[in-house]
N, C-alpha and C. Protein backbone atom coordinates (compact mmCIF):
# COMPACT_ATOMS: atom_id res chain seq x y z
N MET A 1 -1.12 -18.53 1.22
CA MET A 1 0.13 -17.82 1.15
C MET A 1 -0.15 -16.31 1.29
N THR A 2 0.66 -15.62 2.07
CA THR A 2 0.49 -14.18 2.23
C THR A 2 1.62 -13.44 1.53
N THR A 3 1.32 -12.24 1.11
CA THR A 3 2.29 -11.39 0.43
C THR A 3 2.30 -10.03 1.11
N GLU A 4 3.47 -9.51 1.41
CA GLU A 4 3.58 -8.20 2.02
C GLU A 4 3.64 -7.14 0.93
N ILE A 5 2.93 -6.04 1.14
CA ILE A 5 3.02 -4.88 0.27
C ILE A 5 3.94 -3.89 0.97
N LEU A 6 5.07 -3.58 0.32
CA LEU A 6 6.10 -2.74 0.92
C LEU A 6 6.08 -1.33 0.35
N ALA A 7 6.52 -0.38 1.16
CA ALA A 7 6.67 0.99 0.69
C ALA A 7 7.92 1.06 -0.20
N PRO A 8 7.77 1.49 -1.44
CA PRO A 8 8.93 1.56 -2.33
C PRO A 8 9.82 2.78 -2.07
N LEU A 9 9.31 3.73 -1.27
CA LEU A 9 10.06 4.93 -0.96
C LEU A 9 9.62 5.48 0.39
N ALA A 10 10.44 6.34 0.96
CA ALA A 10 10.09 6.98 2.22
C ALA A 10 9.16 8.15 1.93
N GLY A 11 8.20 8.40 2.82
CA GLY A 11 7.28 9.51 2.65
C GLY A 11 6.13 9.39 3.63
N LYS A 12 5.03 10.04 3.28
CA LYS A 12 3.83 10.03 4.12
C LYS A 12 2.67 9.44 3.34
N ILE A 13 1.92 8.56 3.97
CA ILE A 13 0.74 7.99 3.33
C ILE A 13 -0.34 9.07 3.33
N VAL A 14 -0.77 9.46 2.14
CA VAL A 14 -1.76 10.54 2.04
C VAL A 14 -3.16 10.04 1.68
N ARG A 15 -3.25 8.83 1.13
CA ARG A 15 -4.58 8.29 0.80
C ARG A 15 -4.50 6.78 0.71
N ILE A 16 -5.49 6.11 1.31
CA ILE A 16 -5.59 4.66 1.21
C ILE A 16 -6.94 4.34 0.56
N ASP A 17 -6.90 3.64 -0.56
CA ASP A 17 -8.11 3.34 -1.32
C ASP A 17 -8.60 1.91 -1.14
N ILE A 18 -8.11 1.22 -0.12
CA ILE A 18 -8.50 -0.16 0.13
C ILE A 18 -8.92 -0.31 1.59
N GLU A 19 -9.59 -1.40 1.88
CA GLU A 19 -9.97 -1.76 3.24
C GLU A 19 -9.66 -3.23 3.43
N PRO A 20 -9.54 -3.68 4.68
CA PRO A 20 -9.36 -5.13 4.88
C PRO A 20 -10.49 -5.90 4.20
N SER A 21 -10.16 -7.01 3.62
CA SER A 21 -11.07 -7.89 2.87
C SER A 21 -11.36 -7.39 1.47
N SER A 22 -10.80 -6.24 1.06
CA SER A 22 -10.99 -5.75 -0.31
C SER A 22 -10.27 -6.67 -1.29
N SER A 23 -10.89 -6.93 -2.41
CA SER A 23 -10.22 -7.65 -3.49
C SER A 23 -9.41 -6.64 -4.28
N VAL A 24 -8.20 -7.03 -4.68
CA VAL A 24 -7.35 -6.15 -5.48
C VAL A 24 -6.84 -6.92 -6.68
N ILE A 25 -6.58 -6.18 -7.74
CA ILE A 25 -6.04 -6.78 -8.95
C ILE A 25 -4.73 -6.08 -9.31
N GLU A 26 -3.93 -6.74 -10.10
CA GLU A 26 -2.68 -6.15 -10.58
C GLU A 26 -2.98 -4.82 -11.27
N ASP A 27 -2.14 -3.83 -11.08
CA ASP A 27 -2.25 -2.50 -11.67
C ASP A 27 -3.35 -1.64 -11.04
N GLN A 28 -3.93 -2.05 -9.92
CA GLN A 28 -4.92 -1.24 -9.21
C GLN A 28 -4.18 -0.35 -8.21
N GLU A 29 -4.43 0.96 -8.27
CA GLU A 29 -3.82 1.87 -7.30
C GLU A 29 -4.49 1.62 -5.95
N ILE A 30 -3.69 1.28 -4.94
CA ILE A 30 -4.28 0.95 -3.64
C ILE A 30 -4.04 2.03 -2.59
N LEU A 31 -2.96 2.79 -2.75
CA LEU A 31 -2.69 3.91 -1.85
C LEU A 31 -1.68 4.84 -2.48
N PHE A 32 -1.50 6.00 -1.84
CA PHE A 32 -0.58 7.00 -2.37
C PHE A 32 0.37 7.45 -1.27
N ILE A 33 1.66 7.56 -1.62
CA ILE A 33 2.67 8.07 -0.71
C ILE A 33 3.17 9.39 -1.27
N GLU A 34 3.24 10.40 -0.40
CA GLU A 34 3.75 11.70 -0.82
C GLU A 34 5.20 11.83 -0.35
N ALA A 35 6.05 12.22 -1.28
CA ALA A 35 7.46 12.48 -0.98
C ALA A 35 7.90 13.65 -1.85
N MET A 36 8.54 14.62 -1.27
CA MET A 36 9.01 15.81 -1.99
C MET A 36 7.88 16.47 -2.78
N LYS A 37 6.70 16.57 -2.17
CA LYS A 37 5.51 17.22 -2.74
C LYS A 37 4.96 16.53 -3.98
N MET A 38 5.32 15.27 -4.18
CA MET A 38 4.78 14.49 -5.30
C MET A 38 4.09 13.25 -4.73
N GLU A 39 2.91 12.94 -5.25
CA GLU A 39 2.19 11.74 -4.83
C GLU A 39 2.54 10.59 -5.76
N THR A 40 2.90 9.46 -5.16
CA THR A 40 3.26 8.27 -5.92
C THR A 40 2.23 7.18 -5.65
N PRO A 41 1.57 6.65 -6.69
CA PRO A 41 0.62 5.56 -6.47
C PRO A 41 1.36 4.27 -6.15
N ILE A 42 0.79 3.48 -5.26
CA ILE A 42 1.35 2.19 -4.89
C ILE A 42 0.39 1.11 -5.37
N TYR A 43 0.94 0.07 -5.97
CA TYR A 43 0.16 -1.02 -6.56
C TYR A 43 0.43 -2.30 -5.79
N PRO A 44 -0.49 -3.27 -5.85
CA PRO A 44 -0.22 -4.57 -5.22
C PRO A 44 0.83 -5.33 -6.03
N PRO A 45 1.37 -6.39 -5.45
CA PRO A 45 2.29 -7.23 -6.22
C PRO A 45 1.59 -7.75 -7.48
N PRO A 46 2.34 -8.26 -8.44
CA PRO A 46 1.72 -8.69 -9.71
C PRO A 46 0.91 -9.98 -9.57
N CYS A 47 -0.14 -9.90 -8.76
CA CYS A 47 -1.07 -11.03 -8.61
C CYS A 47 -2.38 -10.49 -8.05
N ASP A 48 -3.45 -11.19 -8.30
CA ASP A 48 -4.74 -10.81 -7.74
C ASP A 48 -4.88 -11.45 -6.36
N GLY A 49 -5.67 -10.82 -5.50
CA GLY A 49 -5.89 -11.37 -4.17
C GLY A 49 -6.78 -10.45 -3.36
N SER A 50 -6.73 -10.60 -2.05
CA SER A 50 -7.50 -9.73 -1.18
C SER A 50 -6.61 -9.21 -0.06
N ILE A 51 -6.98 -8.06 0.45
CA ILE A 51 -6.22 -7.43 1.52
C ILE A 51 -6.60 -8.10 2.84
N LYS A 52 -5.62 -8.64 3.52
CA LYS A 52 -5.85 -9.30 4.80
C LYS A 52 -5.77 -8.30 5.94
N GLN A 53 -4.78 -7.39 5.86
CA GLN A 53 -4.56 -6.45 6.96
C GLN A 53 -3.85 -5.21 6.42
N ILE A 54 -4.23 -4.04 6.95
CA ILE A 54 -3.55 -2.79 6.63
C ILE A 54 -2.81 -2.36 7.89
N LEU A 55 -1.51 -2.19 7.79
CA LEU A 55 -0.67 -1.92 8.96
C LEU A 55 -0.38 -0.44 9.18
N LYS A 56 -0.61 0.39 8.21
CA LYS A 56 -0.34 1.83 8.32
C LYS A 56 -1.62 2.61 8.11
N LYS A 57 -1.62 3.88 8.55
CA LYS A 57 -2.80 4.74 8.44
C LYS A 57 -2.47 5.97 7.62
N GLU A 58 -3.51 6.62 7.10
CA GLU A 58 -3.32 7.88 6.40
C GLU A 58 -2.65 8.87 7.34
N GLY A 59 -1.71 9.64 6.81
CA GLY A 59 -0.99 10.62 7.61
C GLY A 59 0.25 10.07 8.29
N GLU A 60 0.43 8.77 8.23
CA GLU A 60 1.57 8.13 8.88
C GLU A 60 2.79 8.15 7.97
N ASP A 61 3.95 8.42 8.56
CA ASP A 61 5.21 8.37 7.81
C ASP A 61 5.65 6.93 7.63
N VAL A 62 6.26 6.65 6.48
CA VAL A 62 6.82 5.32 6.21
C VAL A 62 8.24 5.48 5.70
N GLU A 63 9.03 4.47 5.94
CA GLU A 63 10.38 4.39 5.40
C GLU A 63 10.36 3.38 4.26
N GLU A 64 11.35 3.45 3.39
CA GLU A 64 11.45 2.50 2.30
C GLU A 64 11.47 1.08 2.86
N ASP A 65 10.71 0.20 2.26
CA ASP A 65 10.58 -1.22 2.62
C ASP A 65 9.77 -1.47 3.88
N ASP A 66 9.11 -0.46 4.45
CA ASP A 66 8.16 -0.72 5.54
C ASP A 66 6.99 -1.54 4.98
N VAL A 67 6.47 -2.45 5.77
CA VAL A 67 5.30 -3.22 5.37
C VAL A 67 4.06 -2.35 5.58
N ILE A 68 3.32 -2.13 4.50
CA ILE A 68 2.12 -1.28 4.56
C ILE A 68 0.88 -2.13 4.76
N ALA A 69 0.82 -3.25 4.06
CA ALA A 69 -0.36 -4.11 4.12
C ALA A 69 0.06 -5.55 3.82
N ILE A 70 -0.86 -6.45 4.15
CA ILE A 70 -0.62 -7.88 3.89
C ILE A 70 -1.77 -8.37 3.02
N MET A 71 -1.39 -9.08 1.96
CA MET A 71 -2.35 -9.60 0.99
C MET A 71 -2.40 -11.12 1.11
N ALA A 72 -3.60 -11.67 0.96
CA ALA A 72 -3.75 -13.12 1.01
C ALA A 72 -4.27 -13.64 -0.32
C-alpha cells in the first residue's frame, strides 16, 4: 500500500531531509516548506514506512495538497 505525503500549505520547499528508500517514522521531520518567511516542518503520515519516491525538489514552489513524496 502506498501513501502520498501532501503539502499542507503553499510555499517553497527549502530543505529535504530524506532520500528515496529512506525509512521514516511518525513525528520525523522530513522536509521544510517556507511560507511568509517562516519555515514549517513536514512530517510523514502517522505510520512508519519508507520513502518510495520524492516528486518535488528543494527550491520548488508547491501549492496546498500537492503531492511531495510517496511512502510505501
